[in-house]
């Protein structure tokens, strides 16, 4: 029961934070227009999938060709796993917008959608952590140390990163 309450609470907080972010953004999304999840603006995560992440890692950590190829494989495998999750999350977001504006307001419908969104976010977090671990295993000890120094501390803002 406590786990369910925690998931619901985290889901609602995530939903509230997202709504506040969109409301505070004059354009609705980081790419200058309404955000439909398809823009390649910095901070959307798409620039990493396009190779910028690997290019930066190669340059800074001096990755070998074999390391680059292995990292590309890890990224491709994880991207396949997350594509369906991102699509489902977009669908739930649309359903949430409709449910929030429904007359009369149906709290149970919003609650169910928020729980589904939270479960997907949990899966995405696990996938990101697994990908990070797999990439970290491909690095030499020196490269790991350098990468750890370059990573922002928790709570520290990244330049041009997620908001």
Protein backbone atom coordinates (compact mmCIF):
# COMPACT_ATOMS: atom_id res chain seq x y z
CA UNK A 1 0.00 0.00 0.00
CA UNK A 2 2.83 2.39 0.88
CA UNK A 3 4.52 1.64 -2.45
CA UNK A 4 1.33 2.49 -4.32
CA UNK A 5 0.94 5.77 -2.42
CA UNK A 6 4.57 6.63 -3.16
CA UNK A 7 4.15 5.90 -6.87
CA UNK A 8 0.97 7.97 -7.05
CA UNK A 9 2.60 10.84 -5.16
CA UNK A 10 5.69 10.81 -7.39
CA UNK A 11 3.54 10.59 -10.50
CA UNK A 12 1.44 13.55 -9.44
CA UNK A 13 4.52 15.58 -8.55
CA UNK A 14 6.04 14.76 -11.94
CA UNK A 15 2.81 15.76 -13.63
CA UNK A 16 2.60 19.00 -11.66
CA UNK A 17 6.24 19.84 -12.39
CA UNK A 18 5.73 19.20 -16.10
CA UNK A 19 2.62 21.35 -16.16
CA UNK A 20 4.44 24.19 -14.40
CA UNK A 21 7.35 23.94 -16.83
CA UNK A 22 5.05 24.12 -19.85
CA UNK A 23 3.06 26.96 -18.32
CA UNK A 24 6.23 28.93 -17.58
CA UNK A 25 7.64 28.40 -21.06
CA UNK A 26 6.38 31.09 -23.46
CA UNK A 27 6.50 28.73 -26.43
CA UNK A 28 5.50 25.50 -24.73
CA UNK A 29 8.63 23.63 -25.77
CA UNK A 30 12.41 24.05 -26.05
CA UNK A 31 12.34 24.11 -29.86
CA UNK A 32 10.34 27.33 -30.11
CA UNK A 33 6.90 25.89 -30.78
CA UNK A 34 4.41 23.60 -29.17
CA UNK A 35 6.35 20.58 -27.97
CA UNK A 36 5.23 17.37 -29.59
CA UNK A 37 8.34 15.44 -28.55
CA UNK A 38 9.87 15.42 -32.03
CA UNK A 39 12.16 18.45 -31.91
CA UNK A 40 15.94 18.15 -31.91
CA UNK A 41 16.60 21.19 -29.73
CA UNK A 42 19.36 21.02 -27.13
CA UNK A 43 18.03 19.61 -23.90
CA UNK A 44 15.45 17.36 -25.54
CA UNK A 45 17.71 14.33 -25.52
CA UNK A 46 17.42 13.95 -29.30
CA UNK A 47 20.84 15.49 -29.88
CA UNK A 48 22.43 12.56 -28.05
CA UNK A 49 20.65 10.03 -30.22
CA UNK A 50 21.92 11.92 -33.26
CA UNK A 51 25.53 11.32 -32.34
CA UNK A 52 26.48 14.55 -30.58
CA UNK A 53 26.84 12.67 -27.30
CA UNK A 54 29.22 10.15 -28.83
CA UNK A 55 31.16 12.88 -30.65
CA UNK A 56 31.70 14.76 -27.39
CA UNK A 57 32.68 11.59 -25.54
CA UNK A 58 35.10 10.62 -28.31
CA UNK A 59 36.74 14.03 -28.26
CA UNK A 60 36.97 14.47 -24.50
CA UNK A 61 37.71 10.88 -23.44
CA UNK A 62 39.79 9.97 -26.51
CA UNK A 63 37.73 6.86 -27.27
CA UNK A 64 39.12 4.15 -29.51
CA UNK A 65 37.29 3.01 -32.64
CA UNK A 66 36.27 -0.19 -30.85
CA UNK A 67 34.86 1.77 -27.91
CA UNK A 68 32.92 4.04 -30.26
CA UNK A 69 31.42 1.05 -32.08
CA UNK A 70 30.46 -0.63 -28.81
CA UNK A 71 28.86 2.54 -27.47
CA UNK A 72 26.87 2.94 -30.69
CA UNK A 73 25.57 -0.61 -30.26
CA UNK A 74 24.54 0.08 -26.66
CA UNK A 75 22.79 3.30 -27.68
CA UNK A 76 20.98 1.64 -30.58
CA UNK A 77 19.78 -1.27 -28.44
CA UNK A 78 18.51 1.03 -25.69
CA UNK A 79 16.88 3.40 -28.18
CA UNK A 80 14.85 0.50 -29.57
CA UNK A 81 13.67 -0.34 -26.06
CA UNK A 82 12.71 3.24 -25.22
CA UNK A 83 10.96 4.16 -28.48
CA UNK A 84 7.76 2.34 -27.52
CA UNK A 85 7.91 3.75 -23.98
CA UNK A 86 8.25 7.32 -25.27
CA UNK A 87 5.35 6.82 -27.66
CA UNK A 88 3.15 5.44 -24.87
CA UNK A 89 4.15 8.34 -22.63
CA UNK A 90 3.14 10.84 -25.35
CA UNK A 91 -0.24 9.12 -25.66
CA UNK A 92 -0.77 9.24 -21.90
CA UNK A 93 0.21 12.92 -21.84
CA UNK A 94 -2.46 13.66 -24.46
CA UNK A 95 -5.03 11.66 -22.51
CA UNK A 96 -4.08 13.53 -19.33
CA UNK A 97 -4.62 16.88 -21.03
CA UNK A 98 -8.07 15.74 -22.10
CA UNK A 99 -8.89 14.33 -18.66
CA UNK A 100 -7.75 17.51 -16.91
CA UNK A 101 -10.15 19.58 -19.01
CA UNK A 102 -13.07 17.17 -18.79
CA UNK A 103 -16.34 18.40 -17.33
CA UNK A 104 -17.05 17.05 -14.79
CA UNK A 105 -13.53 16.39 -13.56
CA UNK A 106 -12.82 12.67 -13.12
CA UNK A 107 -10.13 12.33 -10.47
CA UNK A 108 -9.90 8.56 -10.85
CA UNK A 109 -9.19 8.83 -14.58
CA UNK A 110 -6.42 11.37 -13.94
CA UNK A 111 -5.03 9.21 -11.14
CA UNK A 112 -4.87 6.10 -13.35
CA UNK A 113 -3.15 8.02 -16.14
CA UNK A 114 -0.70 9.59 -13.68
CA UNK A 115 0.16 6.14 -12.32
CA UNK A 116 0.75 4.85 -15.85
CA UNK A 117 2.96 7.84 -16.61
CA UNK A 118 4.93 7.23 -13.41
CA UNK A 119 5.44 3.57 -14.27
CA UNK A 120 6.77 4.49 -17.71
CA UNK A 121 9.08 7.11 -16.20
CA UNK A 122 10.38 4.44 -13.81
CA UNK A 123 11.16 2.14 -16.75
CA UNK A 124 12.89 4.96 -18.64
CA UNK A 125 15.02 5.74 -15.57
CA UNK A 126 16.05 2.09 -15.34
CA UNK A 127 16.94 2.01 -19.05
CA UNK A 128 19.05 5.20 -18.68
CA UNK A 129 20.87 3.77 -15.65
CA UNK A 130 21.51 0.47 -17.45
CA UNK A 131 22.84 2.30 -20.53
CA UNK A 132 25.10 4.43 -18.34
CA UNK A 133 26.43 1.31 -16.62
CA UNK A 134 27.04 -0.49 -19.92
CA UNK A 135 28.91 2.48 -21.38
CA UNK A 136 30.90 2.93 -18.17
CA UNK A 137 32.01 -0.72 -18.41
CA UNK A 138 33.49 -0.02 -21.86
CA UNK A 139 35.77 2.75 -20.57
CA UNK A 140 39.28 2.42 -19.19
CA UNK A 141 39.82 3.41 -15.53
CA UNK A 142 41.38 6.71 -16.66
CA UNK A 143 38.44 7.48 -18.93
CA UNK A 144 36.00 6.63 -16.10
CA UNK A 145 37.79 9.03 -13.76
CA UNK A 146 37.71 11.82 -16.33
CA UNK A 147 34.04 11.19 -17.12
CA UNK A 148 33.18 11.25 -13.41
CA UNK A 149 34.90 14.62 -13.02
CA UNK A 150 32.96 16.06 -15.96
CA UNK A 151 29.56 14.85 -14.73
CA UNK A 152 27.59 17.54 -12.93
CA UNK A 153 26.86 16.97 -9.26
CA UNK A 154 23.26 16.05 -8.44
CA UNK A 155 21.18 19.21 -8.46
CA UNK A 156 23.80 21.15 -10.41
CA UNK A 157 22.55 22.73 -13.63
CA UNK A 158 24.06 21.61 -16.91
CA UNK A 159 24.93 24.07 -19.62
CA UNK A 160 22.37 23.66 -22.38
CA UNK A 161 21.05 20.48 -20.78
CA UNK A 162 17.70 19.48 -19.39
CA UNK A 163 15.77 21.99 -17.43
